[in-house]
């Protein structure tokens, strides 16, 4: 079932987790003492979380050059999703979906 979220984005009517609220990418609140501990966390805990959540929703906008595909964080998330065989759903904002369909015609 699809519902419309903010900014005209069609979303599934399913509770989701947004990474910006789950993982602070800019500073350590976990007391990591060095870069090794930080990279170990990303290698293990983050991948485990992706696997346990079992679903990733990637918003592709603009459709011709999605910002999602230009950010290392997002590519890491996508890699982890593929590695752990979780469900990946790609969504387009409503206006971008219309532009995409028009480009196909």
N, C-alpha and C. Protein backbone atom coordinates (compact mmCIF):
# COMPACT_ATOMS: atom_id res chain seq x y z
N UNK A 1 0.84 -1.17 0.00
CA UNK A 1 0.00 0.00 0.00
C UNK A 1 0.89 1.23 0.00
N UNK A 2 0.60 2.18 -0.85
CA UNK A 2 1.39 3.40 -0.95
C UNK A 2 0.65 4.57 -0.33
N UNK A 3 1.39 5.39 0.37
CA UNK A 3 0.86 6.64 0.90
C UNK A 3 1.80 7.74 0.46
N UNK A 4 1.35 8.97 0.52
CA UNK A 4 2.20 10.07 0.12
C UNK A 4 2.77 10.75 1.35
N UNK A 5 4.11 10.83 1.38
CA UNK A 5 4.81 11.51 2.46
C UNK A 5 5.03 12.96 2.07
N UNK A 6 5.84 13.64 2.84
CA UNK A 6 6.17 15.03 2.54
C UNK A 6 6.90 15.15 1.21
N UNK A 7 6.86 16.31 0.62
CA UNK A 7 7.53 16.60 -0.64
C UNK A 7 7.00 15.77 -1.80
N UNK A 8 5.79 15.25 -1.70
CA UNK A 8 5.20 14.49 -2.79
C UNK A 8 5.85 13.14 -3.01
N UNK A 9 6.46 12.56 -1.98
CA UNK A 9 7.12 11.26 -2.12
C UNK A 9 6.13 10.17 -1.73
N UNK A 10 5.95 9.21 -2.62
CA UNK A 10 5.08 8.08 -2.33
C UNK A 10 5.87 7.06 -1.51
N UNK A 11 5.35 6.69 -0.35
CA UNK A 11 6.02 5.75 0.53
C UNK A 11 5.12 4.57 0.83
N UNK A 12 5.73 3.49 1.24
CA UNK A 12 4.96 2.35 1.71
C UNK A 12 4.41 2.68 3.09
N UNK A 13 3.25 2.19 3.39
CA UNK A 13 2.65 2.43 4.70
C UNK A 13 3.24 1.46 5.72
N UNK A 14 4.54 1.55 5.92
CA UNK A 14 5.29 0.67 6.80
C UNK A 14 6.21 1.52 7.66
N UNK A 15 6.32 1.24 8.96
CA UNK A 15 7.27 1.99 9.78
C UNK A 15 8.69 1.82 9.24
N UNK A 16 9.46 2.91 9.23
CA UNK A 16 10.82 2.84 8.72
C UNK A 16 11.77 3.51 9.70
N UNK A 17 13.04 3.21 9.55
CA UNK A 17 14.10 3.84 10.32
C UNK A 17 14.89 4.73 9.38
N UNK A 18 15.14 5.96 9.79
CA UNK A 18 15.91 6.89 8.97
C UNK A 18 17.30 6.99 9.57
N UNK A 19 18.33 6.68 8.77
CA UNK A 19 19.69 6.60 9.30
C UNK A 19 20.15 7.84 10.04
N UNK A 20 19.77 9.01 9.57
CA UNK A 20 20.24 10.23 10.22
C UNK A 20 19.81 10.28 11.68
N UNK A 21 18.73 9.58 12.02
CA UNK A 21 18.27 9.54 13.40
C UNK A 21 18.83 8.35 14.17
N UNK A 22 19.33 7.36 13.46
CA UNK A 22 19.84 6.15 14.07
C UNK A 22 21.34 6.25 14.34
N UNK A 23 22.10 6.77 13.38
CA UNK A 23 23.55 6.83 13.48
C UNK A 23 24.02 8.26 13.24
N UNK A 24 24.70 8.83 14.21
CA UNK A 24 25.28 10.15 14.03
C UNK A 24 26.57 9.97 13.23
N UNK A 25 26.58 10.43 12.00
CA UNK A 25 27.71 10.25 11.11
C UNK A 25 28.81 11.28 11.33
N UNK A 26 28.57 12.28 12.14
CA UNK A 26 29.49 13.40 12.25
C UNK A 26 30.35 13.42 13.51
N UNK A 27 29.93 12.74 14.56
CA UNK A 27 30.75 12.72 15.76
C UNK A 27 30.47 11.45 16.54
N UNK A 28 31.40 11.07 17.35
CA UNK A 28 31.30 9.84 18.12
C UNK A 28 30.69 10.11 19.49
N UNK A 29 29.59 9.46 19.76
CA UNK A 29 29.01 9.51 21.10
C UNK A 29 29.30 8.21 21.83
N UNK A 30 30.01 7.30 21.15
CA UNK A 30 30.27 5.99 21.72
C UNK A 30 31.64 5.90 22.38
N UNK A 31 32.41 6.99 22.37
CA UNK A 31 33.71 7.01 23.02
C UNK A 31 34.77 6.22 22.29
N UNK A 32 34.71 6.16 20.96
CA UNK A 32 35.75 5.45 20.23
C UNK A 32 37.09 6.11 20.50
N UNK A 33 38.08 5.29 20.80
CA UNK A 33 39.40 5.84 21.12
C UNK A 33 40.26 6.01 19.89
N UNK A 34 39.95 5.31 18.82
CA UNK A 34 40.76 5.46 17.62
C UNK A 34 39.95 5.11 16.37
N UNK A 35 40.55 5.36 15.23
CA UNK A 35 39.89 5.11 13.94
C UNK A 35 39.58 3.63 13.75
N UNK A 36 40.43 2.74 14.29
CA UNK A 36 40.19 1.32 14.14
C UNK A 36 38.86 0.91 14.76
N UNK A 37 38.60 1.39 15.98
CA UNK A 37 37.34 1.04 16.64
C UNK A 37 36.15 1.55 15.84
N UNK A 38 36.28 2.74 15.28
CA UNK A 38 35.20 3.30 14.48
C UNK A 38 34.96 2.46 13.23
N UNK A 39 36.01 2.10 12.51
CA UNK A 39 35.84 1.30 11.29
C UNK A 39 35.34 -0.10 11.62
N UNK A 40 35.76 -0.63 12.76
CA UNK A 40 35.27 -1.95 13.18
C UNK A 40 33.75 -1.89 13.44
N UNK A 41 33.30 -0.80 14.06
CA UNK A 41 31.87 -0.65 14.30
C UNK A 41 31.10 -0.64 12.98
N UNK A 42 31.59 0.16 12.02
CA UNK A 42 30.91 0.22 10.71
C UNK A 42 30.92 -1.13 10.02
N UNK A 43 32.01 -1.88 10.18
CA UNK A 43 32.13 -3.17 9.52
C UNK A 43 31.21 -4.22 10.13
N UNK A 44 30.99 -4.14 11.42
CA UNK A 44 30.23 -5.19 12.09
C UNK A 44 28.82 -4.77 12.49
N UNK A 45 28.73 -3.78 13.35
CA UNK A 45 27.44 -3.42 13.93
C UNK A 45 26.49 -2.85 12.88
N UNK A 46 26.98 -1.95 12.03
CA UNK A 46 26.10 -1.37 11.02
C UNK A 46 25.56 -2.44 10.08
N UNK A 47 26.43 -3.34 9.64
CA UNK A 47 25.97 -4.41 8.75
C UNK A 47 24.96 -5.31 9.45
N UNK A 48 25.17 -5.59 10.71
CA UNK A 48 24.22 -6.41 11.47
C UNK A 48 22.87 -5.70 11.54
N UNK A 49 22.89 -4.39 11.78
CA UNK A 49 21.65 -3.63 11.85
C UNK A 49 20.89 -3.67 10.52
N UNK A 50 21.61 -3.49 9.42
CA UNK A 50 20.98 -3.57 8.08
C UNK A 50 20.32 -4.93 7.90
N UNK A 51 21.05 -5.97 8.26
CA UNK A 51 20.54 -7.33 8.12
C UNK A 51 19.29 -7.55 8.97
N UNK A 52 19.30 -7.06 10.21
CA UNK A 52 18.16 -7.24 11.10
C UNK A 52 16.95 -6.42 10.68
N UNK A 53 17.17 -5.21 10.18
CA UNK A 53 16.06 -4.38 9.71
C UNK A 53 15.42 -5.04 8.50
N UNK A 54 16.24 -5.56 7.58
CA UNK A 54 15.73 -6.36 6.48
C UNK A 54 15.17 -5.60 5.29
N UNK A 55 15.23 -4.28 5.32
CA UNK A 55 14.68 -3.51 4.19
C UNK A 55 15.38 -2.16 4.13
N UNK A 56 15.67 -1.72 2.91
CA UNK A 56 16.25 -0.40 2.69
C UNK A 56 15.40 0.30 1.62
N UNK A 57 15.09 1.55 1.87
CA UNK A 57 14.37 2.36 0.89
C UNK A 57 15.31 3.46 0.43
N UNK A 58 15.61 3.47 -0.86
CA UNK A 58 16.49 4.49 -1.44
C UNK A 58 15.64 5.43 -2.29
N UNK A 59 15.77 6.71 -2.03
CA UNK A 59 15.02 7.71 -2.80
C UNK A 59 15.92 8.22 -3.91
N UNK A 60 15.51 8.00 -5.14
CA UNK A 60 16.32 8.36 -6.30
C UNK A 60 15.83 9.68 -6.88
N UNK A 61 16.55 10.73 -6.54
CA UNK A 61 16.18 12.06 -7.02
C UNK A 61 17.44 12.90 -7.15
N UNK A 62 17.58 13.61 -8.26
CA UNK A 62 16.75 13.53 -9.45
C UNK A 62 16.94 12.19 -10.16
N UNK A 63 15.96 11.76 -10.90
CA UNK A 63 15.99 10.42 -11.45
C UNK A 63 17.18 10.20 -12.39
N UNK A 64 17.63 11.21 -13.11
CA UNK A 64 18.73 11.04 -14.07
C UNK A 64 20.11 11.00 -13.43
N UNK A 65 20.22 11.47 -12.21
CA UNK A 65 21.50 11.50 -11.50
C UNK A 65 21.22 11.53 -9.99
N UNK A 66 20.77 10.40 -9.45
CA UNK A 66 20.33 10.37 -8.05
C UNK A 66 21.44 10.73 -7.07
N UNK A 67 21.15 11.65 -6.18
CA UNK A 67 22.10 12.05 -5.15
C UNK A 67 22.50 10.85 -4.30
N UNK A 68 21.56 9.94 -4.07
CA UNK A 68 21.82 8.73 -3.27
C UNK A 68 23.03 7.98 -3.79
N UNK A 69 23.20 7.95 -5.11
CA UNK A 69 24.29 7.18 -5.71
C UNK A 69 25.62 7.95 -5.72
N UNK A 70 25.65 9.17 -5.18
CA UNK A 70 26.88 9.95 -5.17
C UNK A 70 27.50 10.08 -3.78
N UNK A 71 26.86 9.51 -2.78
CA UNK A 71 27.35 9.65 -1.40
C UNK A 71 27.90 8.32 -0.88
N UNK A 72 29.10 8.39 -0.33
CA UNK A 72 29.76 7.17 0.16
C UNK A 72 28.90 6.45 1.19
N UNK A 73 28.28 7.21 2.09
CA UNK A 73 27.43 6.61 3.12
C UNK A 73 26.31 5.78 2.49
N UNK A 74 25.69 6.32 1.47
CA UNK A 74 24.57 5.64 0.81
C UNK A 74 25.06 4.42 0.04
N UNK A 75 26.22 4.53 -0.60
CA UNK A 75 26.77 3.39 -1.32
C UNK A 75 27.15 2.27 -0.36
N UNK A 76 27.66 2.63 0.83
CA UNK A 76 27.97 1.63 1.86
C UNK A 76 26.69 0.93 2.31
N UNK A 77 25.64 1.70 2.52
CA UNK A 77 24.35 1.14 2.91
C UNK A 77 23.85 0.19 1.82
N UNK A 78 23.96 0.59 0.57
CA UNK A 78 23.52 -0.25 -0.55
C UNK A 78 24.36 -1.53 -0.63
N UNK A 79 25.68 -1.40 -0.48
CA UNK A 79 26.55 -2.56 -0.47
C UNK A 79 26.15 -3.55 0.63
N UNK A 80 25.95 -3.03 1.84
CA UNK A 80 25.55 -3.89 2.97
C UNK A 80 24.21 -4.57 2.70
N UNK A 81 23.31 -3.84 2.06
CA UNK A 81 21.99 -4.39 1.75
C UNK A 81 22.10 -5.55 0.76
N UNK A 82 22.92 -5.38 -0.25
CA UNK A 82 23.11 -6.44 -1.25
C UNK A 82 23.82 -7.63 -0.60
N UNK A 83 24.86 -7.36 0.16
CA UNK A 83 25.63 -8.42 0.82
C UNK A 83 24.75 -9.27 1.72
N UNK A 84 23.84 -8.64 2.44
CA UNK A 84 22.99 -9.37 3.38
C UNK A 84 21.63 -9.74 2.80
N UNK A 85 21.48 -9.51 1.49
CA UNK A 85 20.28 -9.93 0.76
C UNK A 85 18.99 -9.38 1.38
N UNK A 86 19.02 -8.10 1.75
CA UNK A 86 17.80 -7.48 2.27
C UNK A 86 17.01 -6.87 1.12
N UNK A 87 15.75 -6.63 1.36
CA UNK A 87 14.86 -6.04 0.37
C UNK A 87 15.24 -4.58 0.14
N UNK A 88 15.52 -4.21 -1.11
CA UNK A 88 15.86 -2.82 -1.45
C UNK A 88 14.74 -2.29 -2.33
N UNK A 89 14.16 -1.18 -1.92
CA UNK A 89 13.12 -0.53 -2.72
C UNK A 89 13.62 0.84 -3.14
N UNK A 90 13.52 1.11 -4.43
CA UNK A 90 13.91 2.41 -4.95
C UNK A 90 12.64 3.21 -5.21
N UNK A 91 12.58 4.41 -4.66
CA UNK A 91 11.42 5.27 -4.83
C UNK A 91 11.82 6.57 -5.50
N UNK A 92 10.90 7.09 -6.28
CA UNK A 92 11.07 8.39 -6.92
C UNK A 92 10.03 9.35 -6.35
N UNK A 93 10.43 10.60 -6.05
CA UNK A 93 9.41 11.59 -5.71
C UNK A 93 8.43 11.70 -6.87
N UNK A 94 7.20 12.06 -6.58
CA UNK A 94 6.13 12.08 -7.58
C UNK A 94 6.52 12.83 -8.85
N UNK A 95 7.08 14.03 -8.71
CA UNK A 95 7.46 14.81 -9.89
C UNK A 95 8.57 14.13 -10.69
N UNK A 96 9.52 13.53 -10.00
CA UNK A 96 10.61 12.83 -10.69
C UNK A 96 10.09 11.58 -11.40
N UNK A 97 9.10 10.93 -10.81
CA UNK A 97 8.49 9.77 -11.45
C UNK A 97 7.83 10.18 -12.76
N UNK A 98 7.16 11.32 -12.77
CA UNK A 98 6.52 11.82 -13.99
C UNK A 98 7.58 12.14 -15.05
N UNK A 99 8.67 12.78 -14.64
CA UNK A 99 9.73 13.09 -15.60
C UNK A 99 10.37 11.82 -16.16
N UNK A 100 10.54 10.83 -15.31
CA UNK A 100 11.10 9.54 -15.73
C UNK A 100 10.20 8.87 -16.77
N UNK A 101 8.91 8.83 -16.48
CA UNK A 101 7.96 8.20 -17.42
C UNK A 101 7.94 8.96 -18.73
N UNK A 102 7.95 10.28 -18.69
CA UNK A 102 7.98 11.07 -19.93
C UNK A 102 9.24 10.81 -20.73
N UNK A 103 10.36 10.59 -20.07
CA UNK A 103 11.61 10.29 -20.78
C UNK A 103 11.56 8.94 -21.45
N UNK A 104 10.78 8.02 -20.90
CA UNK A 104 10.67 6.69 -21.50
C UNK A 104 9.78 6.66 -22.74
N UNK A 105 8.85 7.60 -22.78
CA UNK A 105 7.87 7.60 -23.88
C UNK A 105 8.49 8.16 -25.13
